[in-house]
Protein backbone atom coordinates (compact mmCIF):
# COMPACT_ATOMS: atom_id res chain seq x y z
CA UNK A 1 -2.90 -3.86 2.04
CA UNK A 2 -3.68 -6.20 -0.38
CA UNK A 3 -4.37 0.55 -7.39
CA UNK A 4 -7.50 8.46 -14.05
CA UNK A 5 -5.79 11.78 -14.51
CA UNK A 6 -2.94 11.54 -16.99
CA UNK A 7 0.04 13.43 -15.61
CA UNK A 8 3.56 11.96 -15.77
CA UNK A 9 4.14 12.10 -12.02
CA UNK A 10 0.54 11.37 -11.04
CA UNK A 11 0.51 8.24 -13.18
CA UNK A 12 3.61 7.17 -11.24
CA UNK A 13 1.39 6.99 -8.15
CA UNK A 14 -0.97 4.63 -9.95
CA UNK A 15 1.95 2.49 -11.12
CA UNK A 16 3.02 1.99 -7.50
CA UNK A 17 -0.02 -0.21 -6.95
CA UNK A 18 -1.89 -1.71 -9.84
CA UNK A 19 -5.58 -0.96 -10.28
CA UNK A 20 -6.09 -4.64 -11.10
CA UNK A 21 -8.90 -6.76 -9.73
CA UNK A 22 -6.50 -8.45 -7.31
CA UNK A 23 -5.18 -5.15 -5.97
CA UNK A 24 -8.67 -3.70 -5.53
CA UNK A 25 -9.85 -6.93 -3.93
CA UNK A 26 -7.07 -6.67 -1.35
CA UNK A 27 -8.22 -3.14 -0.53
CA UNK A 28 -11.83 -4.29 -0.09
CA UNK A 29 -10.85 -7.23 2.10
CA UNK A 30 -8.59 -5.05 4.24
CA UNK A 31 -11.22 -2.34 4.68
CA UNK A 32 -14.33 -4.47 5.28
CA UNK A 33 -13.51 -8.14 5.96
CA UNK A 34 -10.44 -7.77 8.16
CA UNK A 35 -11.91 -5.46 10.89
CA UNK A 36 -14.86 -7.60 12.01
CA UNK A 37 -13.73 -10.97 10.67
CA UNK A 38 -17.03 -11.63 8.85
CA UNK A 39 -16.68 -13.35 5.45
CA UNK A 40 -17.83 -11.66 2.23
CA UNK A 41 -20.22 -13.19 -0.27
CA UNK A 42 -19.08 -13.66 -3.85
CA UNK A 43 -22.13 -11.67 -4.96
CA UNK A 44 -21.10 -8.77 -2.71
CA UNK A 45 -17.57 -8.70 -4.05
CA UNK A 46 -18.84 -8.87 -7.63
CA UNK A 47 -21.20 -5.96 -6.93
CA UNK A 48 -18.55 -3.79 -5.25
CA UNK A 49 -15.73 -4.44 -7.69
CA UNK A 50 -18.18 -4.01 -10.54
CA UNK A 51 -18.91 -0.55 -9.17
CA UNK A 52 -15.17 0.12 -9.42
CA UNK A 53 -15.11 -0.88 -13.07
CA UNK A 54 -13.85 -4.47 -12.72
CA UNK A 55 -15.46 -7.11 -14.90
CA UNK A 56 -17.07 -10.14 -13.26
CA UNK A 57 -14.64 -12.57 -14.92
CA UNK A 58 -11.65 -10.62 -13.57
CA UNK A 59 -13.07 -10.59 -10.03
CA UNK A 60 -13.68 -14.35 -10.09
CA UNK A 61 -10.17 -14.96 -11.39
CA UNK A 62 -8.72 -12.75 -8.64
CA UNK A 63 -10.65 -14.69 -5.98
CA UNK A 64 -9.46 -18.03 -7.34
CA UNK A 65 -5.85 -16.89 -7.51
CA UNK A 66 -5.85 -15.43 -4.02
CA UNK A 67 -7.36 -18.66 -2.71
CA UNK A 68 -4.68 -20.66 -4.53
CA UNK A 69 -2.04 -18.43 -2.91
CA UNK A 70 -3.48 -19.17 0.53
CA UNK A 71 -4.75 -15.67 1.42
CA UNK A 72 -8.48 -16.49 1.43
CA UNK A 73 -10.66 -19.59 1.70
CA UNK A 74 -14.10 -20.30 0.24
CA UNK A 75 -17.05 -21.52 2.32
CA UNK A 76 -20.41 -22.68 1.02
CA UNK A 77 -23.79 -21.81 2.50
CA UNK A 78 -26.48 -23.54 0.49
CA UNK A 79 -25.87 -22.54 -3.12
CA UNK A 80 -23.93 -19.43 -2.20
CA UNK A 81 -20.19 -18.99 -1.54
CA UNK A 82 -18.49 -16.57 0.79
CA UNK A 83 -14.83 -15.81 1.44
CA UNK A 84 -12.85 -15.64 4.68
CA UNK A 85 -9.30 -14.53 5.29
CA UNK A 86 -6.83 -17.24 6.23
CA UNK A 87 -4.37 -16.63 9.04
CA UNK A 88 -1.61 -15.58 6.56
CA UNK A 89 -4.16 -13.35 4.85
CA UNK A 90 -5.04 -11.63 8.12
CA UNK A 91 -1.36 -11.12 8.94
CA UNK A 92 -0.70 -9.66 5.48
CA UNK A 93 -3.60 -7.21 5.64
CA UNK A 94 -3.06 -6.30 9.29
CA UNK A 95 0.53 -5.31 8.61
CA UNK A 96 -0.58 -3.32 5.58
CA UNK A 97 -3.38 -1.60 7.50
CA UNK A 98 -1.05 -0.53 10.30
CA UNK A 99 1.25 1.15 7.81
CA UNK A 100 -1.48 2.68 5.66
CA UNK A 101 -3.66 4.23 8.36
CA UNK A 102 -0.79 5.65 10.40
CA UNK A 103 1.18 6.87 7.42
CA UNK A 104 2.10 10.49 6.85
CA UNK A 105 0.82 12.45 9.83
CA UNK A 106 3.40 12.00 12.60
CA UNK A 107 7.15 12.29 12.08
CA UNK A 108 9.78 11.60 14.71
CA UNK A 109 12.47 14.15 15.48
CA UNK A 110 15.74 13.54 13.65
CA UNK A 111 19.20 13.26 15.20
CA UNK A 112 21.01 14.15 11.93
CA UNK A 113 22.40 10.65 11.39
CA UNK A 114 22.24 8.60 8.20
CA UNK A 115 22.57 4.92 7.40
CA UNK A 116 24.43 4.20 4.15
CA UNK A 117 24.21 0.78 2.48
CA UNK A 118 26.53 -0.29 -0.33
CA UNK A 119 25.35 -3.37 -2.22
CA UNK A 120 25.77 -4.30 -5.86
CA UNK A 121 23.94 -6.74 -8.08
CA UNK A 122 25.23 -7.78 -11.52
CA UNK A 123 23.31 -6.30 -14.44
CA UNK A 124 22.64 -9.83 -15.68
CA UNK A 125 20.52 -10.59 -12.58
CA UNK A 126 17.73 -8.16 -13.32
CA UNK A 127 15.07 -9.92 -11.28
CA UNK A 128 17.30 -9.82 -8.21
CA UNK A 129 18.02 -6.13 -8.83
CA UNK A 130 14.29 -5.50 -9.03
CA UNK A 131 13.62 -7.35 -5.76
CA UNK A 132 16.37 -5.39 -4.00
CA UNK A 133 15.08 -2.05 -5.26
CA UNK A 134 11.48 -2.87 -4.40
CA UNK A 135 12.23 -4.01 -0.85
CA UNK A 136 14.67 -1.22 -0.01
CA UNK A 137 12.31 1.38 -1.44
CA UNK A 138 9.51 -0.04 0.73
CA UNK A 139 11.88 0.30 3.70
CA UNK A 140 12.32 4.00 2.88
CA UNK A 141 15.78 3.89 1.32
CA UNK A 142 16.76 6.03 -1.66
CA UNK A 143 19.56 5.47 -4.16
CA UNK A 144 21.65 8.56 -5.03
CA UNK A 145 24.09 6.47 -7.10
CA UNK A 146 24.23 2.89 -8.46
CA UNK A 147 24.87 0.43 -5.66
CA UNK A 148 24.42 3.04 -2.91
CA UNK A 149 21.33 3.31 -0.70
CA UNK A 150 20.71 5.87 2.05
CA UNK A 151 18.13 6.59 4.73
CA UNK A 152 17.92 9.18 7.51
CA UNK A 153 16.22 6.52 9.64
CA UNK A 154 19.12 4.64 11.21
CA UNK A 155 16.71 2.24 12.90
CA UNK A 156 16.00 0.77 9.46
CA UNK A 157 19.51 -0.64 9.14
CA UNK A 158 18.23 -3.91 10.62
CA UNK A 159 15.54 -4.08 7.95
CA UNK A 160 18.13 -3.44 5.24
CA UNK A 161 20.31 -6.20 6.69
CA UNK A 162 17.37 -8.59 6.58
CA UNK A 163 16.71 -7.70 2.94
CA UNK A 164 20.27 -8.25 1.71
CA UNK A 165 20.59 -11.44 3.76
CA UNK A 166 17.38 -12.95 2.42
CA UNK A 167 18.43 -12.05 -1.13
CA UNK A 168 21.86 -13.62 -0.61
CA UNK A 169 23.71 -10.32 -1.06
CA UNK A 170 25.09 -9.90 2.47
CA UNK A 171 28.60 -11.21 1.75
CA UNK A 172 29.63 -8.20 -0.34
CA UNK A 173 27.39 -5.58 1.30
CA UNK A 174 28.65 -2.74 3.52
CA UNK A 175 26.85 -0.29 5.80
CA UNK A 176 27.81 2.89 7.64
CA UNK A 177 26.15 5.06 10.26
CA UNK A 178 26.77 8.70 11.09
CA UNK A 179 26.19 12.37 10.32
CA UNK A 180 26.60 13.87 6.88
CA UNK A 181 30.18 14.84 5.97
CA UNK A 182 31.66 18.07 4.62
CA UNK A 183 31.47 17.38 0.87
CA UNK A 184 28.34 18.40 -1.03
CA UNK A 185 25.05 19.00 0.76
CA UNK A 186 22.23 17.01 2.27
CA UNK A 187 19.78 18.84 0.02
CA UNK A 188 21.62 17.56 -3.06
CA UNK A 189 21.71 14.06 -1.59
CA UNK A 190 17.95 14.13 -1.04
CA UNK A 191 17.31 15.37 -4.59
CA UNK A 192 19.45 12.60 -6.05
CA UNK A 193 18.06 9.81 -3.85
CA UNK A 194 14.38 10.74 -4.00
CA UNK A 195 12.26 12.56 -6.58
CA UNK A 196 10.48 14.99 -4.28
CA UNK A 197 9.06 17.14 -7.11
CA UNK A 198 7.35 14.06 -8.54
CA UNK A 199 6.18 12.99 -5.10
CA UNK A 200 4.72 16.45 -4.43
CA UNK A 201 2.82 16.23 -7.73
CA UNK A 202 1.51 12.80 -6.70
CA UNK A 203 0.21 14.27 -3.45
CA UNK A 204 -1.34 17.21 -5.30
CA UNK A 205 -3.13 14.78 -7.61
CA UNK A 206 -4.49 12.86 -4.62
CA UNK A 207 -5.76 16.06 -2.98
CA UNK A 208 -7.42 17.25 -6.18
CA UNK A 209 -9.11 13.89 -6.65
CA UNK A 210 -10.55 13.55 -3.16
CA UNK A 211 -10.54 16.77 -1.12
CA UNK A 212 -13.80 18.12 -2.55
CA UNK A 213 -15.58 14.78 -2.93
CA UNK A 214 -18.97 14.52 -1.20
CA UNK A 215 -20.49 11.15 -2.16
CA UNK A 216 -24.16 10.29 -1.73
CA UNK A 217 -25.07 7.67 0.91
CA UNK A 218 -25.01 3.99 0.02
CA UNK A 219 -22.88 2.58 -2.77
CA UNK A 220 -21.35 5.95 -3.59
CA UNK A 221 -19.86 6.40 -0.11
CA UNK A 222 -18.67 2.80 0.11
CA UNK A 223 -16.98 3.00 -3.30
CA UNK A 224 -15.45 6.39 -2.50
CA UNK A 225 -13.96 4.94 0.69
CA UNK A 226 -12.44 2.04 -1.24
CA UNK A 227 -10.96 4.36 -3.85
CA UNK A 228 -9.60 6.64 -1.12
CA UNK A 229 -7.83 3.80 0.70
CA UNK A 230 -6.71 2.19 -2.55
CA UNK A 231 -5.02 5.36 -3.72
CA UNK A 232 -3.50 6.17 -0.32
CA UNK A 233 -2.04 2.69 0.20
CA UNK A 234 0.44 3.43 -2.60
CA UNK A 235 2.14 6.32 -0.85
CA UNK A 236 4.18 4.22 1.62
CA UNK A 237 5.98 2.86 -1.45
CA UNK A 238 6.54 6.33 -2.92
CA UNK A 239 7.23 8.45 0.17
CA UNK A 240 10.31 7.65 2.30
CA UNK A 241 8.90 9.72 5.20
CA UNK A 242 11.93 11.98 5.40
CA UNK A 243 12.32 14.16 8.49
CA UNK A 244 10.81 17.62 8.11
CA UNK A 245 14.37 19.04 8.31
CA UNK A 246 15.04 17.52 4.87
CA UNK A 247 11.75 18.52 3.23
CA UNK A 248 10.65 21.78 1.59
CA UNK A 249 8.75 24.18 3.90
CA UNK A 250 5.02 23.44 4.13
CA UNK A 251 5.48 19.94 2.74
CA UNK A 252 2.32 18.94 0.86
CA UNK A 253 2.52 15.35 2.10
CA UNK A 254 1.33 16.49 5.54
CA UNK A 255 -1.73 18.16 4.01
CA UNK A 256 -2.50 15.07 1.92
CA UNK A 257 -2.26 12.86 5.03
CA UNK A 258 -4.76 15.11 6.80
CA UNK A 259 -7.14 14.91 3.82
CA UNK A 260 -6.95 11.12 3.89
CA UNK A 261 -7.46 10.88 7.65
CA UNK A 262 -10.38 13.33 7.70
CA UNK A 263 -12.24 11.72 4.80
CA UNK A 264 -11.61 8.18 5.99
CA UNK A 265 -13.02 9.10 9.39
CA UNK A 266 -16.05 10.86 7.88
CA UNK A 267 -16.91 8.00 5.51
CA UNK A 268 -16.00 5.07 7.76
CA UNK A 269 -19.24 4.48 9.66
CA UNK A 270 -21.69 5.00 6.77
CA UNK A 271 -19.52 2.86 4.49
CA UNK A 272 -19.30 0.06 7.07
CA UNK A 273 -23.07 0.14 7.63
CA UNK A 274 -23.74 -0.13 3.91
CA UNK A 275 -21.24 -2.99 3.59
CA UNK A 276 -23.13 -4.94 6.26
CA UNK A 277 -26.37 -4.56 4.28
CA UNK A 278 -24.61 -5.92 1.20
CA UNK A 279 -22.91 -8.82 2.99
CA UNK A 280 -25.17 -10.11 5.78
CA UNK A 281 -24.24 -13.17 7.88
CA UNK A 282 -25.09 -16.63 6.58
CA UNK A 283 -28.47 -18.06 7.56
CA UNK A 284 -27.61 -21.65 6.54
CA UNK A 285 -24.87 -24.05 7.72
CA UNK A 286 -21.49 -23.22 6.22
CA UNK A 287 -19.06 -25.75 4.74
CA UNK A 288 -15.78 -25.47 2.87
CA UNK A 289 -16.31 -24.98 -0.84
CA UNK A 290 -14.28 -25.49 -3.97
CA UNK A 291 -13.02 -22.04 -4.97
CA UNK A 292 -13.51 -22.88 -8.64
CA UNK A 293 -17.26 -23.20 -8.09
CA UNK A 294 -17.56 -19.59 -6.89
């Protein structure tokens, strides 16, 4: 759904989604193949990812691996090969698209209630700890202390329950719901659970990179659109979407979301038109192909 200035916090944004061939390929498929359902030629994907600095060998390897994982399938038309999304691939990218394109602009009002999750994982089970952290972070939870996770979105308690159950951690886990108590402050809790200064710097880096960009028609606009979406798709992992009550005044995340939405809208039609010139429909009968031959 599926990613340079060197600043400590800005590089954190890039680490949230690798700039690898596979990651960029997911962005391309989600932006151009998913909407109209038309497959993409290998030559088109090589051309586009090449324009993003990915070597041909890396693109071919990414295609083969995604096919092996069941996200895409190869079809042959004459001597050429094109790629379609499988049903699981469409589900994966559709869910990612819904979160990416709606992210950041609208925030629900907050009733002042928190959900608190207590769950511990032995230090020896590092992979399990990593899975727990990754999935709870994606769900918008922050960790102010080891083994403690919090979110101002009480509706996400069900998602947290699903996570700990699927990871086999539900037996010893505990959860609580309610308003903040009388010890300490919510501001301190937020600072300990989430790194808002780093997140603000990430948003500032995004704005600086894209706000003044005016690409030429053709490849330049198409590649700019891919880079825009690729960079933005990382923020759902970094930003817990806290209520405005818990954020600094004039929160920069709202401005960054507006920059993304405005540029994506402005570049969408010309980028889609150019994509269709690069990846026209097949003119010969299509048959399933061996992905290794692509």
